[in-house]
Every structure is written in C-alpha cells, then in structure tokens.
C-alpha cells in the first residue's frame, strides 16, 4: 500500500513538469512607430489572419507579414 502511494505521489510530481515547456507561443511586440495611422476596428478571419480597419485602408496580418490594402 505504501509503495502504491509512493508511485502515485511521484507521478503527480513528475508529469506536470513535462507540460511546462511545450506549446509556448512566440510573442512579438510592435512599437507605436510601426503603425502609420489609427486602428478603427480589428477582426480575425477563420484562417487566423487579423484584419485591421484604418483610415488609409485595410491592413492584414498573417502572423508573419503585414499587408496594406488601400480603398
């Protein structure tokens, strides 16, 4: 009985450690100077792209690149 309790205790300490290092997202911050105008609205498409409505047009962020599309 003590051996079974020790195994359960040991596993409860070891398994949470494996989940700490997987799936950590890469986060990049952008400075205020990177934006040319104000953002009126933000939406996310089903493909994961971010759409930003600005006075100059629509800006699309695909996770890597910014693409500006003027009206």
N, C-alpha and C. Protein backbone atom coordinates (compact mmCIF):
# COMPACT_ATOMS: atom_id res chain seq x y z
N UNK A 1 0.82 -1.20 0.00
CA UNK A 1 0.00 0.00 0.00
C UNK A 1 0.87 1.26 0.00
N UNK A 2 1.93 1.24 0.78
CA UNK A 2 2.83 2.39 0.83
C UNK A 2 3.52 2.56 -0.52
N UNK A 3 3.89 1.45 -1.15
CA UNK A 3 4.56 1.52 -2.45
C UNK A 3 3.64 2.13 -3.51
N UNK A 4 2.38 1.74 -3.50
CA UNK A 4 1.41 2.29 -4.45
C UNK A 4 1.22 3.79 -4.22
N UNK A 5 1.16 4.19 -2.97
CA UNK A 5 1.02 5.60 -2.64
C UNK A 5 2.25 6.40 -3.08
N UNK A 6 3.43 5.81 -2.95
CA UNK A 6 4.66 6.47 -3.38
C UNK A 6 4.67 6.66 -4.90
N UNK A 7 4.24 5.66 -5.64
CA UNK A 7 4.20 5.76 -7.10
C UNK A 7 3.24 6.85 -7.53
N UNK A 8 2.07 6.91 -6.95
CA UNK A 8 1.09 7.94 -7.29
C UNK A 8 1.65 9.32 -6.94
N UNK A 9 2.28 9.45 -5.79
CA UNK A 9 2.87 10.72 -5.38
C UNK A 9 3.98 11.15 -6.34
N UNK A 10 4.85 10.22 -6.72
CA UNK A 10 5.96 10.51 -7.63
C UNK A 10 5.45 10.94 -9.00
N UNK A 11 4.46 10.24 -9.52
CA UNK A 11 3.92 10.58 -10.83
C UNK A 11 3.20 11.94 -10.82
N UNK A 12 2.57 12.27 -9.70
CA UNK A 12 1.89 13.56 -9.62
C UNK A 12 2.89 14.72 -9.59
N UNK A 13 4.13 14.45 -9.20
CA UNK A 13 5.16 15.48 -9.21
C UNK A 13 5.87 15.57 -10.56
N UNK A 14 6.03 14.45 -11.25
CA UNK A 14 6.81 14.41 -12.48
C UNK A 14 6.01 14.85 -13.69
N UNK A 15 4.79 14.38 -13.88
CA UNK A 15 4.04 14.66 -15.10
C UNK A 15 3.72 16.14 -15.33
N UNK A 16 3.41 16.94 -14.33
CA UNK A 16 3.17 18.36 -14.62
C UNK A 16 4.39 19.08 -15.17
N UNK A 17 5.60 18.58 -14.92
CA UNK A 17 6.80 19.23 -15.42
C UNK A 17 6.92 19.14 -16.93
N UNK A 18 6.39 18.08 -17.54
CA UNK A 18 6.50 17.92 -18.98
C UNK A 18 5.65 18.93 -19.74
N UNK A 19 4.55 19.35 -19.20
CA UNK A 19 3.67 20.28 -19.89
C UNK A 19 4.14 21.73 -19.82
N UNK A 20 5.12 22.02 -19.01
CA UNK A 20 5.56 23.39 -18.83
C UNK A 20 6.32 23.94 -20.04
N UNK A 21 6.96 23.09 -20.83
CA UNK A 21 7.84 23.56 -21.87
C UNK A 21 7.29 23.39 -23.27
N UNK A 22 6.18 22.76 -23.43
CA UNK A 22 5.64 22.56 -24.78
C UNK A 22 4.51 23.56 -25.04
N UNK A 23 4.42 24.01 -26.28
CA UNK A 23 3.34 24.88 -26.68
C UNK A 23 3.48 26.33 -26.26
N UNK A 24 4.69 26.77 -25.97
CA UNK A 24 4.89 28.16 -25.59
C UNK A 24 4.87 29.01 -26.85
N UNK A 25 3.95 29.97 -26.97
CA UNK A 25 3.86 30.76 -28.19
C UNK A 25 4.97 31.80 -28.29
N UNK A 26 5.33 32.12 -29.51
CA UNK A 26 6.29 33.19 -29.76
C UNK A 26 5.52 34.50 -29.75
N UNK A 27 5.93 35.44 -28.93
CA UNK A 27 5.24 36.71 -28.82
C UNK A 27 6.17 37.82 -29.27
N UNK A 28 5.68 38.66 -30.17
CA UNK A 28 6.46 39.79 -30.65
C UNK A 28 5.65 41.07 -30.43
N UNK A 29 6.26 42.04 -29.82
CA UNK A 29 5.62 43.32 -29.58
C UNK A 29 6.02 44.30 -30.68
N UNK A 30 5.10 45.15 -31.08
CA UNK A 30 5.35 46.14 -32.10
C UNK A 30 5.26 47.53 -31.48
N UNK A 31 6.20 48.38 -31.85
CA UNK A 31 6.24 49.74 -31.32
C UNK A 31 5.16 50.60 -31.98
N UNK A 32 4.81 51.67 -31.32
CA UNK A 32 3.81 52.59 -31.83
C UNK A 32 4.24 53.19 -33.17
N UNK A 33 5.53 53.34 -33.36
CA UNK A 33 6.06 53.94 -34.58
C UNK A 33 5.85 53.05 -35.81
N UNK A 34 5.56 51.77 -35.62
CA UNK A 34 5.35 50.85 -36.74
C UNK A 34 4.02 51.09 -37.44
N UNK A 35 3.10 51.77 -36.79
CA UNK A 35 1.78 51.98 -37.35
C UNK A 35 1.70 53.38 -37.94
N UNK A 36 1.14 53.46 -39.14
CA UNK A 36 1.05 54.74 -39.85
C UNK A 36 -0.22 55.50 -39.51
N UNK A 37 -1.22 54.87 -38.99
CA UNK A 37 -2.47 55.56 -38.69
C UNK A 37 -3.19 54.84 -37.55
N UNK A 38 -4.32 55.40 -37.16
CA UNK A 38 -5.12 54.80 -36.08
C UNK A 38 -5.86 53.57 -36.58
N UNK A 39 -6.15 52.68 -35.66
CA UNK A 39 -6.91 51.47 -35.99
C UNK A 39 -8.33 51.66 -35.48
N UNK A 40 -9.30 51.56 -36.39
CA UNK A 40 -10.71 51.73 -36.02
C UNK A 40 -11.33 50.43 -35.52
N UNK A 41 -10.97 49.33 -36.16
CA UNK A 41 -11.59 48.05 -35.80
C UNK A 41 -10.62 46.91 -36.11
N UNK A 42 -10.74 45.82 -35.37
CA UNK A 42 -9.91 44.63 -35.58
C UNK A 42 -10.84 43.42 -35.64
N UNK A 43 -10.58 42.55 -36.61
CA UNK A 43 -11.34 41.30 -36.72
C UNK A 43 -10.37 40.18 -37.08
N UNK A 44 -10.75 38.96 -36.73
CA UNK A 44 -9.93 37.79 -37.07
C UNK A 44 -10.75 36.88 -37.96
N UNK A 45 -10.15 36.47 -39.08
CA UNK A 45 -10.81 35.58 -40.02
C UNK A 45 -10.70 34.13 -39.58
N UNK A 46 -11.44 33.25 -40.25
CA UNK A 46 -11.40 31.83 -39.89
C UNK A 46 -10.05 31.21 -40.25
N UNK A 47 -9.28 31.87 -41.12
CA UNK A 47 -7.96 31.39 -41.47
C UNK A 47 -6.89 31.86 -40.49
N UNK A 48 -7.27 32.65 -39.48
CA UNK A 48 -6.35 33.11 -38.46
C UNK A 48 -5.74 34.47 -38.74
N UNK A 49 -5.98 35.03 -39.91
CA UNK A 49 -5.44 36.34 -40.23
C UNK A 49 -6.16 37.43 -39.45
N UNK A 50 -5.43 38.48 -39.09
CA UNK A 50 -6.02 39.64 -38.42
C UNK A 50 -6.26 40.72 -39.45
N UNK A 51 -7.44 41.32 -39.40
CA UNK A 51 -7.82 42.40 -40.30
C UNK A 51 -8.00 43.67 -39.47
N UNK A 52 -7.27 44.72 -39.84
CA UNK A 52 -7.33 45.98 -39.13
C UNK A 52 -7.86 47.05 -40.06
N UNK A 53 -8.93 47.72 -39.66
CA UNK A 53 -9.51 48.80 -40.45
C UNK A 53 -8.87 50.12 -40.00
N UNK A 54 -8.25 50.82 -40.93
CA UNK A 54 -7.59 52.09 -40.65
C UNK A 54 -8.14 53.15 -41.60
N UNK A 55 -7.87 54.43 -41.35
CA UNK A 55 -8.33 55.47 -42.28
C UNK A 55 -7.72 55.33 -43.68
N UNK A 56 -6.56 54.70 -43.78
CA UNK A 56 -5.89 54.55 -45.08
C UNK A 56 -6.31 53.29 -45.82
N UNK A 57 -7.03 52.38 -45.18
CA UNK A 57 -7.45 51.15 -45.83
C UNK A 57 -7.46 49.97 -44.88
N UNK A 58 -7.37 48.79 -45.45
CA UNK A 58 -7.40 47.56 -44.68
C UNK A 58 -5.97 47.01 -44.57
N UNK A 59 -5.58 46.65 -43.37
CA UNK A 59 -4.27 46.05 -43.14
C UNK A 59 -4.49 44.62 -42.68
N UNK A 60 -3.77 43.69 -43.30
CA UNK A 60 -3.92 42.27 -42.99
C UNK A 60 -2.61 41.76 -42.40
N UNK A 61 -2.71 41.06 -41.27
CA UNK A 61 -1.53 40.45 -40.63
C UNK A 61 -1.74 38.94 -40.64
N UNK A 62 -0.85 38.21 -41.31
CA UNK A 62 -0.98 36.77 -41.43
C UNK A 62 -0.17 35.99 -40.40
N UNK A 63 0.40 36.69 -39.45
CA UNK A 63 1.22 36.05 -38.43
C UNK A 63 2.70 36.26 -38.67
N UNK A 64 3.04 36.66 -39.89
CA UNK A 64 4.43 36.92 -40.24
C UNK A 64 4.57 38.30 -40.87
N UNK A 65 3.71 38.60 -41.83
CA UNK A 65 3.82 39.84 -42.61
C UNK A 65 2.59 40.70 -42.46
N UNK A 66 2.81 42.01 -42.62
CA UNK A 66 1.73 43.00 -42.68
C UNK A 66 1.52 43.35 -44.15
N UNK A 67 0.29 43.33 -44.61
CA UNK A 67 -0.05 43.71 -45.98
C UNK A 67 -1.12 44.79 -45.93
N UNK A 68 -0.81 45.96 -46.54
CA UNK A 68 -1.76 47.07 -46.56
C UNK A 68 -2.51 47.05 -47.88
N UNK A 69 -3.84 47.18 -47.80
CA UNK A 69 -4.69 47.25 -48.98
C UNK A 69 -5.50 48.53 -48.87
N UNK A 70 -5.26 49.45 -49.80
CA UNK A 70 -5.96 50.74 -49.74
C UNK A 70 -7.31 50.64 -50.42
N UNK A 71 -8.20 51.54 -50.03
CA UNK A 71 -9.55 51.58 -50.60
C UNK A 71 -9.55 52.32 -51.91
